[in-house]
Amino acid sequence: MTRLAIAAALATAIAVPAFAQSTATEFYVVQDSSTKKCTIVDKKPTTTTTVTQVGPVTIKTRQEAETGMKTIKVCESK
């Protein structure tokens, strides 16, 4: 029983960091094609959406996306 508990703990210790890394969220700055308003999304835009990606390919944190959105020319308030 002790061996089983140790094996389970070891498997969990190995799997948790790998799972956390694979589910890390990435953010994208996109512009709605009809309203021209920029927003931050956590899913990469596809060709079937009504938004166009205007920022860098991926942004690691929401805070970086918010800061970056302020520097993107098409996202400036008019």
Protein backbone atom coordinates (compact mmCIF):
# COMPACT_ATOMS: atom_id res chain seq x y z
CA MET A 1 0.00 0.00 0.00
CA THR A 2 2.86 2.37 0.80
CA ARG A 3 4.45 1.71 -2.58
CA LEU A 4 1.19 2.53 -4.31
CA ALA A 5 0.89 5.82 -2.42
CA ILE A 6 4.48 6.76 -3.27
CA ALA A 7 3.95 5.86 -6.94
CA ALA A 8 0.77 7.94 -7.08
CA ALA A 9 2.49 10.93 -5.45
CA LEU A 10 5.41 10.66 -7.86
CA ALA A 11 3.11 10.43 -10.89
CA THR A 12 1.17 13.48 -9.69
CA ALA A 13 4.37 15.45 -9.10
CA ILE A 14 5.46 14.78 -12.67
CA ALA A 15 2.08 15.30 -14.34
CA VAL A 16 0.92 18.52 -12.66
CA PRO A 17 3.66 20.83 -13.99
CA ALA A 18 3.30 19.39 -17.49
CA PHE A 19 -0.48 19.88 -17.40
CA ALA A 20 -0.16 23.43 -16.09
CA GLN A 21 2.27 24.33 -18.84
CA SER A 22 0.08 22.88 -21.59
CA THR A 23 -3.01 24.80 -20.43
CA ALA A 24 -1.26 28.16 -20.11
CA THR A 25 -3.48 30.87 -21.55
CA GLU A 26 -2.28 33.11 -24.33
CA PHE A 27 -3.91 36.37 -25.28
CA TYR A 28 -4.48 38.11 -28.60
CA VAL A 29 -5.34 41.73 -29.46
CA VAL A 30 -8.08 41.74 -32.10
CA GLN A 31 -10.16 44.36 -33.89
CA ASP A 32 -13.84 43.89 -34.71
CA SER A 33 -14.20 44.38 -38.47
CA SER A 34 -17.53 46.24 -38.21
CA THR A 35 -17.01 48.49 -35.17
CA LYS A 36 -13.21 48.81 -35.48
CA LYS A 37 -13.03 48.40 -31.68
CA CYS A 38 -10.05 46.51 -30.28
CA THR A 39 -10.40 43.89 -27.56
CA ILE A 40 -8.33 41.21 -25.88
CA VAL A 41 -9.32 37.57 -26.35
CA ASP A 42 -7.91 34.31 -25.04
CA LYS A 43 -8.64 32.27 -28.17
CA LYS A 44 -6.80 32.73 -31.45
CA PRO A 45 -9.09 34.31 -34.05
CA THR A 46 -10.07 32.07 -36.96
CA THR A 47 -11.10 32.89 -40.49
CA THR A 48 -14.75 32.40 -39.50
CA THR A 49 -14.73 35.18 -36.89
CA THR A 50 -15.53 38.84 -37.51
CA VAL A 51 -12.32 40.02 -35.87
CA THR A 52 -8.80 40.47 -37.16
CA GLN A 53 -5.70 39.95 -35.06
CA VAL A 54 -3.82 43.25 -34.85
CA GLY A 55 -1.24 42.66 -32.15
CA PRO A 56 1.73 40.34 -31.79
CA VAL A 57 1.18 36.65 -32.49
CA THR A 58 0.66 35.76 -28.82
CA ILE A 59 0.90 37.62 -25.55
CA LYS A 60 1.62 35.74 -22.34
CA THR A 61 -0.38 37.78 -19.81
CA ARG A 62 -3.53 39.87 -19.92
CA GLN A 63 -1.65 42.81 -18.40
CA GLU A 64 0.91 42.71 -21.24
CA ALA A 65 -1.97 42.58 -23.75
CA GLU A 66 -3.63 45.64 -22.17
CA THR A 67 -0.37 47.57 -22.24
CA GLY A 68 0.38 46.49 -25.80
CA MET A 69 -3.09 47.40 -27.04
CA LYS A 70 -2.41 51.03 -26.09
CA THR A 71 0.57 51.13 -28.48
CA ILE A 72 -1.14 49.57 -31.52
CA LYS A 73 -2.02 52.34 -34.01
CA VAL A 74 -5.34 50.87 -35.21
CA CYS A 75 -6.52 50.56 -31.61
CA GLU A 76 -6.07 54.22 -30.73
CA SER A 77 -9.26 56.09 -29.85
CA LYS A 78 -10.40 58.49 -32.50
